[in-house]
Amino acid sequence: MNAPSSPSSKLASTRHFHLVFFITLLTSSVLAHAQPCDCSCTDYDHLVGLTDQGSSQILHIDQCGAACAMAWALCDDALARSSTTQPNIELLGWLSGCWQSDSVEAGSIEHWLPPAGDSMLGVGRTVREGTTVTFEFMQIRRQDDGNLAFIAQPNGREPTTFPLLSLDASEAAFENRQHDFPTRVIYTSQGPEKLQARIEGTRNGRKVTIPFPMTRISCDDVQ
């Protein structure tokens, strides 16, 4: 047997019905008043309510209440659309070009192609005593779920994918918590001529961060 509904659940159900009712029947009259995400009519219980009249209840609203109902609905729709917006790979344009490592000898570089076709391709190498000791093929590309991901293949190994964690005009962070080390790869623009890459993760129970500072060079000067 179902338990009787509580007064609060009845009120929530009634409010939901009222909102649907407003949107369906009053759209044309409230559009001129609605300002999505900036409605000053915030006192719902004051604007929309039920008045007891004998054994029945009469719905009463005013024009502002109707306008707010539409505004709230439009705002919810805008937020739903923005939550599914795909990250823009063009924001990573600052990463393209050739970057010389500041911490190891000349010839240790990363080279990134500009964004195109929802992807960026990169290659890197580390030189010590005139010999290439490590190399890496890299991608930043759109995945099937619409998100971006950093895909690393150090020394020709199988690719490891780090889905995008955050992206803005000067930094991109990628994370794969299932990977042993690193679990996070971060690129930060420090102006047009400086780039800070770093990897983060846990080793022996301790958080480890390894920075890779770099300086932009002309790709014609790559040794």
C-alpha atoms as a PDB file:
ATOM      1  CA  MET A   1       0.000   0.000   0.000  1.00  0.00           C
ATOM      2  CA  ASN A   2       1.295   3.431  -0.900  1.00  0.00           C
ATOM      3  CA  ALA A   3       1.903   5.902   1.922  1.00  0.00           C
ATOM      4  CA  PRO A   4      -0.148   9.130   1.736  1.00  0.00           C
ATOM      5  CA  SER A   5       1.626  12.023   0.069  1.00  0.00           C
ATOM      6  CA  SER A   6       3.166  14.613   2.366  1.00  0.00           C
ATOM      7  CA  PRO A   7       2.020  18.272   2.203  1.00  0.00           C
ATOM      8  CA  SER A   8       5.437  19.262   0.807  1.00  0.00           C
ATOM      9  CA  SER A   9       5.262  16.715  -2.014  1.00  0.00           C
ATOM     10  CA  LYS A  10       1.746  17.876  -2.876  1.00  0.00           C
ATOM     11  CA  LEU A  11       2.986  21.484  -2.995  1.00  0.00           C
ATOM     12  CA  ALA A  12       5.925  20.514  -5.246  1.00  0.00           C
ATOM     13  CA  SER A  13       3.575  18.631  -7.569  1.00  0.00           C
ATOM     14  CA  THR A  14       1.181  21.576  -7.653  1.00  0.00           C
ATOM     15  CA  ARG A  15       4.011  23.998  -8.496  1.00  0.00           C
ATOM     16  CA  HIS A  16       5.193  21.783 -11.326  1.00  0.00           C
ATOM     17  CA  PHE A  17       1.660  21.644 -12.747  1.00  0.00           C
ATOM     18  CA  HIS A  18       1.334  25.410 -12.493  1.00  0.00           C
ATOM     19  CA  LEU A  19       4.617  25.968 -14.352  1.00  0.00           C
ATOM     20  CA  VAL A  20       3.600  23.665 -17.191  1.00  0.00           C
ATOM     21  CA  PHE A  21       0.206  25.335 -17.256  1.00  0.00           C
ATOM     22  CA  PHE A  22       1.761  28.802 -17.577  1.00  0.00           C
ATOM     23  CA  ILE A  23       4.139  27.807 -20.362  1.00  0.00           C
ATOM     24  CA  THR A  24       1.435  26.103 -22.368  1.00  0.00           C
ATOM     25  CA  LEU A  25      -1.286  28.739 -22.110  1.00  0.00           C
ATOM     26  CA  LEU A  26       0.499  32.012 -21.508  1.00  0.00           C
ATOM     27  CA  THR A  27       3.540  31.928 -23.814  1.00  0.00           C
ATOM     28  CA  SER A  28       2.403  34.658 -26.152  1.00  0.00           C
ATOM     29  CA  SER A  29       1.510  37.051 -23.342  1.00  0.00           C
ATOM     30  CA  VAL A  30       4.665  36.701 -21.288  1.00  0.00           C
ATOM     31  CA  LEU A  31       7.427  36.673 -23.879  1.00  0.00           C
ATOM     32  CA  ALA A  32       7.472  40.449 -23.870  1.00  0.00           C
ATOM     33  CA  HIS A  33       8.066  40.444 -20.117  1.00  0.00           C
ATOM     34  CA  ALA A  34      10.444  37.510 -19.729  1.00  0.00           C
ATOM     35  CA  GLN A  35      14.161  38.170 -19.417  1.00  0.00           C
ATOM     36  CA  PRO A  36      15.838  34.738 -19.213  1.00  0.00           C
ATOM     37  CA  CYS A  37      18.244  34.269 -16.278  1.00  0.00           C
ATOM     38  CA  ASP A  38      17.551  37.798 -15.022  1.00  0.00           C
ATOM     39  CA  CYS A  39      13.996  37.712 -13.721  1.00  0.00           C
ATOM     40  CA  SER A  40      13.369  40.007 -10.789  1.00  0.00           C
ATOM     41  CA  CYS A  41      10.219  38.107  -9.775  1.00  0.00           C
ATOM     42  CA  THR A  42      11.677  35.658  -7.272  1.00  0.00           C
ATOM     43  CA  ASP A  43       8.894  35.258  -4.690  1.00  0.00           C
ATOM     44  CA  TYR A  44       7.069  32.319  -6.236  1.00  0.00           C
ATOM     45  CA  ASP A  45       4.679  31.786  -3.317  1.00  0.00           C
ATOM     46  CA  HIS A  46       3.653  35.451  -3.451  1.00  0.00           C
ATOM     47  CA  LEU A  47       3.165  35.568  -7.209  1.00  0.00           C
ATOM     48  CA  VAL A  48       1.531  32.194  -7.667  1.00  0.00           C
ATOM     49  CA  GLY A  49      -0.674  30.469  -5.137  1.00  0.00           C
ATOM     50  CA  LEU A  50      -3.896  28.765  -4.254  1.00  0.00           C
ATOM     51  CA  THR A  51      -6.797  30.548  -2.608  1.00  0.00           C
ATOM     52  CA  ASP A  52      -9.233  28.445  -0.608  1.00  0.00           C
ATOM     53  CA  GLN A  53     -12.826  29.112  -1.535  1.00  0.00           C
ATOM     54  CA  GLY A  54     -15.181  26.744   0.185  1.00  0.00           C
ATOM     55  CA  SER A  55     -14.346  23.182  -0.845  1.00  0.00           C
ATOM     56  CA  SER A  56     -12.392  24.250  -3.945  1.00  0.00           C
ATOM     57  CA  GLN A  57      -9.085  25.978  -4.563  1.00  0.00           C
ATOM     58  CA  ILE A  58      -8.754  28.768  -7.111  1.00  0.00           C
ATOM     59  CA  LEU A  59      -5.453  29.292  -8.965  1.00  0.00           C
ATOM     60  CA  HIS A  60      -4.413  32.926  -8.967  1.00  0.00           C
ATOM     61  CA  ILE A  61      -1.429  34.463 -10.759  1.00  0.00           C
ATOM     62  CA  ASP A  62      -0.430  37.894 -11.854  1.00  0.00           C
ATOM     63  CA  GLN A  63       1.341  39.013 -15.013  1.00  0.00           C
ATOM     64  CA  CYS A  64       4.745  39.082 -13.329  1.00  0.00           C
ATOM     65  CA  GLY A  65       4.254  35.561 -12.040  1.00  0.00           C
ATOM     66  CA  ALA A  66       3.547  34.336 -15.552  1.00  0.00           C
ATOM     67  CA  ALA A  67       6.560  36.179 -16.915  1.00  0.00           C
ATOM     68  CA  CYS A  68       8.805  34.626 -14.286  1.00  0.00           C
ATOM     69  CA  ALA A  69       7.489  31.159 -15.019  1.00  0.00           C
ATOM     70  CA  MET A  70       8.510  31.569 -18.636  1.00  0.00           C
ATOM     71  CA  ALA A  71      11.855  33.137 -17.659  1.00  0.00           C
ATOM     72  CA  TRP A  72      12.712  30.248 -15.349  1.00  0.00           C
ATOM     73  CA  ALA A  73      11.829  27.746 -18.055  1.00  0.00           C
ATOM     74  CA  LEU A  74      13.953  29.539 -20.656  1.00  0.00           C
ATOM     75  CA  CYS A  75      16.847  29.771 -18.214  1.00  0.00           C
ATOM     76  CA  ASP A  76      16.713  26.029 -17.476  1.00  0.00           C
ATOM     77  CA  ASP A  77      16.727  25.314 -21.198  1.00  0.00           C
ATOM     78  CA  ALA A  78      19.758  27.564 -21.772  1.00  0.00           C
ATOM     79  CA  LEU A  79      21.653  25.872 -18.949  1.00  0.00           C
ATOM     80  CA  ALA A  80      20.820  22.434 -20.338  1.00  0.00           C
ATOM     81  CA  ARG A  81      22.137  23.430 -23.758  1.00  0.00           C
ATOM     82  CA  SER A  82      25.332  24.948 -22.347  1.00  0.00           C
ATOM     83  CA  SER A  83      26.070  21.799 -20.328  1.00  0.00           C
ATOM     84  CA  THR A  84      26.275  19.812 -23.553  1.00  0.00           C
ATOM     85  CA  THR A  85      28.400  22.307 -25.465  1.00  0.00           C
ATOM     86  CA  GLN A  86      31.528  20.661 -26.859  1.00  0.00           C
ATOM     87  CA  PRO A  87      34.897  22.163 -25.884  1.00  0.00           C
ATOM     88  CA  ASN A  88      36.448  24.273 -28.632  1.00  0.00           C
ATOM     89  CA  ILE A  89      39.838  22.970 -29.747  1.00  0.00           C
ATOM     90  CA  GLU A  90      40.586  26.376 -31.288  1.00  0.00           C
ATOM     91  CA  LEU A  91      41.188  27.615 -27.723  1.00  0.00           C
ATOM     92  CA  LEU A  92      44.415  25.588 -27.852  1.00  0.00           C
ATOM     93  CA  GLY A  93      45.862  27.560 -30.748  1.00  0.00           C
ATOM     94  CA  TRP A  94      48.554  28.985 -28.435  1.00  0.00           C
ATOM     95  CA  LEU A  95      50.062  25.493 -28.170  1.00  0.00           C
ATOM     96  CA  SER A  96      50.918  25.248 -31.865  1.00  0.00           C
ATOM     97  CA  GLY A  97      54.510  25.783 -32.959  1.00  0.00           C
ATOM     98  CA  CYS A  98      57.944  24.647 -31.790  1.00  0.00           C
ATOM     99  CA  TRP A  99      58.983  24.714 -28.135  1.00  0.00           C
ATOM    100  CA  GLN A 100      62.545  24.250 -26.900  1.00  0.00           C
ATOM    101  CA  SER A 101      62.988  22.672 -23.472  1.00  0.00           C
ATOM    102  CA  ASP A 102      64.546  25.018 -20.892  1.00  0.00           C
ATOM    103  CA  SER A 103      65.939  22.200 -18.755  1.00  0.00           C
ATOM    104  CA  VAL A 104      67.809  19.895 -21.159  1.00  0.00           C
ATOM    105  CA  GLU A 105      70.144  20.360 -24.072  1.00  0.00           C
ATOM    106  CA  ALA A 106      69.382  21.852 -27.484  1.00  0.00           C
ATOM    107  CA  GLY A 107      67.301  19.680 -29.770  1.00  0.00           C
ATOM    108  CA  SER A 108      64.909  18.681 -26.981  1.00  0.00           C
ATOM    109  CA  ILE A 109      61.633  20.036 -28.314  1.00  0.00           C
ATOM    110  CA  GLU A 110      57.902  19.665 -28.727  1.00  0.00           C
ATOM    111  CA  HIS A 111      56.367  20.542 -32.073  1.00  0.00           C
ATOM    112  CA  TRP A 112      52.583  20.989 -32.348  1.00  0.00           C
ATOM    113  CA  LEU A 113      50.610  21.506 -35.543  1.00  0.00           C
ATOM    114  CA  PRO A 114      47.789  24.103 -35.432  1.00  0.00           C
ATOM    115  CA  PRO A 115      44.218  22.943 -34.738  1.00  0.00           C
ATOM    116  CA  ALA A 116      42.498  21.481 -37.811  1.00  0.00           C
ATOM    117  CA  GLY A 117      39.871  18.822 -38.329  1.00  0.00           C
ATOM    118  CA  ASP A 118      39.068  18.714 -34.592  1.00  0.00           C
ATOM    119  CA  SER A 119      42.625  17.610 -33.794  1.00  0.00           C
ATOM    120  CA  MET A 120      46.148  18.751 -33.021  1.00  0.00           C
ATOM    121  CA  LEU A 121      49.174  16.554 -33.666  1.00  0.00           C
ATOM    122  CA  GLY A 122      52.455  16.802 -31.781  1.00  0.00           C
ATOM    123  CA  VAL A 123      55.841  15.164 -31.566  1.00  0.00           C
ATOM    124  CA  GLY A 124      58.518  15.495 -28.915  1.00  0.00           C
ATOM    125  CA  ARG A 125      62.040  14.313 -28.209  1.00  0.00           C
ATOM    126  CA  THR A 126      64.613  14.590 -25.434  1.00  0.00           C
ATOM    127  CA  VAL A 127      68.319  14.778 -26.303  1.00  0.00           C
ATOM    128  CA  ARG A 128      71.178  14.041 -23.902  1.00  0.00           C
ATOM    129  CA  GLU A 129      74.841  14.139 -24.866  1.00  0.00           C
ATOM    130  CA  GLY A 130      73.896  14.362 -28.511  1.00  0.00           C
ATOM    131  CA  THR A 131      71.616  11.305 -28.470  1.00  0.00           C
ATOM    132  CA  THR A 132      67.815  11.072 -28.540  1.00  0.00           C
ATOM    133  CA  VAL A 133      66.922   9.228 -25.331  1.00  0.00           C
ATOM    134  CA  THR A 134      63.128   9.529 -25.439  1.00  0.00           C
ATOM    135  CA  PHE A 135      60.534  10.488 -28.025  1.00  0.00           C
ATOM    136  CA  GLU A 136      56.775  10.822 -28.044  1.00  0.00           C
ATOM    137  CA  PHE A 137      53.897  11.041 -30.494  1.00  0.00           C
ATOM    138  CA  MET A 138      50.938  13.073 -29.197  1.00  0.00           C
ATOM    139  CA  GLN A 139      47.419  13.971 -30.243  1.00  0.00           C
ATOM    140  CA  ILE A 140      44.675  16.202 -28.953  1.00  0.00           C
ATOM    141  CA  ARG A 141      41.489  15.173 -30.685  1.00  0.00           C
ATOM    142  CA  ARG A 142      37.721  14.909 -30.437  1.00  0.00           C
ATOM    143  CA  GLN A 143      36.401  11.670 -28.951  1.00  0.00           C
ATOM    144  CA  ASP A 144      33.158   9.844 -29.717  1.00  0.00           C
ATOM    145  CA  ASP A 145      31.500  11.429 -26.663  1.00  0.00           C
ATOM    146  CA  GLY A 146      32.270  14.930 -27.994  1.00  0.00           C
ATOM    147  CA  ASN A 147      34.973  15.677 -25.424  1.00  0.00           C
ATOM    148  CA  LEU A 148      38.611  16.360 -26.257  1.00  0.00           C
ATOM    149  CA  ALA A 149      41.442  14.090 -25.107  1.00  0.00           C
ATOM    150  CA  PHE A 150      45.228  14.104 -24.971  1.00  0.00           C
ATOM    151  CA  ILE A 151      46.597  10.852 -26.420  1.00  0.00           C
ATOM    152  CA  ALA A 152      50.214  10.005 -25.636  1.00  0.00           C
ATOM    153  CA  GLN A 153      52.509   7.398 -27.205  1.00  0.00           C
ATOM    154  CA  PRO A 154      55.900   7.702 -25.473  1.00  0.00           C
ATOM    155  CA  ASN A 155      58.692   5.771 -27.168  1.00  0.00           C
ATOM    156  CA  GLY A 156      56.230   4.156 -29.560  1.00  0.00           C
ATOM    157  CA  ARG A 157      54.205   2.376 -26.864  1.00  0.00           C
ATOM    158  CA  GLU A 158      50.459   1.760 -27.038  1.00  0.00           C
ATOM    159  CA  PRO A 159      48.481   5.027 -26.806  1.00  0.00           C
ATOM    160  CA  THR A 160      47.181   6.236 -23.452  1.00  0.00           C
ATOM    161  CA  THR A 161      44.150   8.553 -23.466  1.00  0.00           C
ATOM    162  CA  PHE A 162      43.685  11.417 -20.992  1.00  0.00           C
ATOM    163  CA  PRO A 163      40.212  12.992 -21.352  1.00  0.00           C
ATOM    164  CA  LEU A 164      39.952  16.761 -21.061  1.00  0.00           C
ATOM    165  CA  LEU A 165      39.388  17.895 -17.484  1.00  0.00           C
ATOM    166  CA  SER A 166      39.319  21.673 -18.016  1.00  0.00           C
ATOM    167  CA  LEU A 167      40.036  24.165 -20.782  1.00  0.00           C
ATOM    168  CA  ASP A 168      40.249  27.929 -20.979  1.00  0.00           C
ATOM    169  CA  ALA A 169      42.111  30.515 -23.026  1.00  0.00           C
ATOM    170  CA  SER A 170      45.477  29.786 -21.393  1.00  0.00           C
ATOM    171  CA  GLU A 171      45.396  26.288 -19.899  1.00  0.00           C
ATOM    172  CA  ALA A 172      44.310  22.750 -20.744  1.00  0.00           C
ATOM    173  CA  ALA A 173      44.262  19.931 -18.215  1.00  0.00           C
ATOM    174  CA  PHE A 174      43.750  16.251 -19.076  1.00  0.00           C
ATOM    175  CA  GLU A 175      43.204  13.427 -16.605  1.00  0.00           C
ATOM    176  CA  ASN A 176      43.151   9.620 -16.565  1.00  0.00           C
ATOM    177  CA  ARG A 177      42.820   8.326 -13.004  1.00  0.00           C
ATOM    178  CA  GLN A 178      43.198   4.724 -14.138  1.00  0.00           C
ATOM    179  CA  HIS A 179      46.717   5.338 -15.451  1.00  0.00           C
ATOM    180  CA  ASP A 180      49.616   4.530 -13.107  1.00  0.00           C
ATOM    181  CA  PHE A 181      51.734   7.640 -13.704  1.00  0.00           C
ATOM    182  CA  PRO A 182      51.046  10.311 -14.628  1.00  0.00           C
ATOM    183  CA  THR A 183      47.328  10.668 -14.034  1.00  0.00           C
ATOM    184  CA  ARG A 184      47.212  14.292 -15.193  1.00  0.00           C
ATOM    185  CA  VAL A 185      48.819  16.228 -18.065  1.00  0.00           C
ATOM    186  CA  ILE A 186      48.608  20.035 -18.038  1.00  0.00           C
ATOM    187  CA  TYR A 187      49.692  22.680 -20.551  1.00  0.00           C
ATOM    188  CA  THR A 188      49.735  26.328 -19.478  1.00  0.00           C
ATOM    189  CA  SER A 189      50.478  29.308 -21.706  1.00  0.00           C
ATOM    190  CA  GLN A 190      52.666  31.875 -19.944  1.00  0.00           C
ATOM    191  CA  GLY A 191      52.541  34.403 -22.735  1.00  0.00           C
ATOM    192  CA  PRO A 192      53.333  34.116 -26.430  1.00  0.00           C
ATOM    193  CA  GLU A 193      56.928  32.959 -25.847  1.00  0.00           C
ATOM    194  CA  LYS A 194      56.674  30.707 -22.784  1.00  0.00           C
ATOM    195  CA  LEU A 195      54.959  27.366 -22.202  1.00  0.00           C
ATOM    196  CA  GLN A 196      54.737  25.372 -18.986  1.00  0.00           C
ATOM    197  CA  ALA A 197      53.894  21.697 -19.332  1.00  0.00           C
ATOM    198  CA  ARG A 198      53.689  19.429 -16.324  1.00  0.00           C
ATOM    199  CA  ILE A 199      52.617  15.956 -15.358  1.00  0.00           C
ATOM    200  CA  GLU A 200      51.106  14.995 -12.009  1.00  0.00           C
ATOM    201  CA  GLY A 201      50.370  11.781 -10.214  1.00  0.00           C
ATOM    202  CA  THR A 202      51.162   9.623  -7.206  1.00  0.00           C
ATOM    203  CA  ARG A 203      54.290   7.585  -6.623  1.00  0.00           C
ATOM    204  CA  ASN A 204      54.828   5.530  -3.470  1.00  0.00           C
ATOM    205  CA  GLY A 205      51.858   7.244  -1.860  1.00  0.00           C
ATOM    206  CA  ARG A 206      53.179  10.746  -2.491  1.00  0.00           C
ATOM    207  CA  LYS A 207      51.938  13.360  -4.934  1.00  0.00           C
ATOM    208  CA  VAL A 208      54.540  14.086  -7.607  1.00  0.00           C
ATOM    209  CA  THR A 209      54.619  17.021 -10.033  1.00  0.00           C
ATOM    210  CA  ILE A 210      57.206  17.212 -12.821  1.00  0.00           C
ATOM    211  CA  PRO A 211      57.421  20.537 -14.720  1.00  0.00           C
ATOM    212  CA  PHE A 212      58.642  20.963 -18.275  1.00  0.00           C
ATOM    213  CA  PRO A 213      59.273  24.672 -18.947  1.00  0.00           C
ATOM    214  CA  MET A 214      59.708  25.569 -22.614  1.00  0.00           C
ATOM    215  CA  THR A 215      60.448  28.565 -24.814  1.00  0.00           C
ATOM    216  CA  ARG A 216      59.052  29.178 -28.265  1.00  0.00           C
ATOM    217  CA  ILE A 217      61.570  28.971 -31.129  1.00  0.00           C
ATOM    218  CA  SER A 218      61.257  29.229 -34.872  1.00  0.00           C
ATOM    219  CA  CYS A 219      60.580  25.822 -36.350  1.00  0.00           C
ATOM    220  CA  ASP A 220      63.212  26.706 -38.980  1.00  0.00           C
ATOM    221  CA  ASP A 221      65.788  26.677 -36.153  1.00  0.00           C
ATOM    222  CA  VAL A 222      65.011  23.161 -34.952  1.00  0.00           C
ATOM    223  CA  GLN A 223      68.233  21.149 -34.964  1.00  0.00           C
END
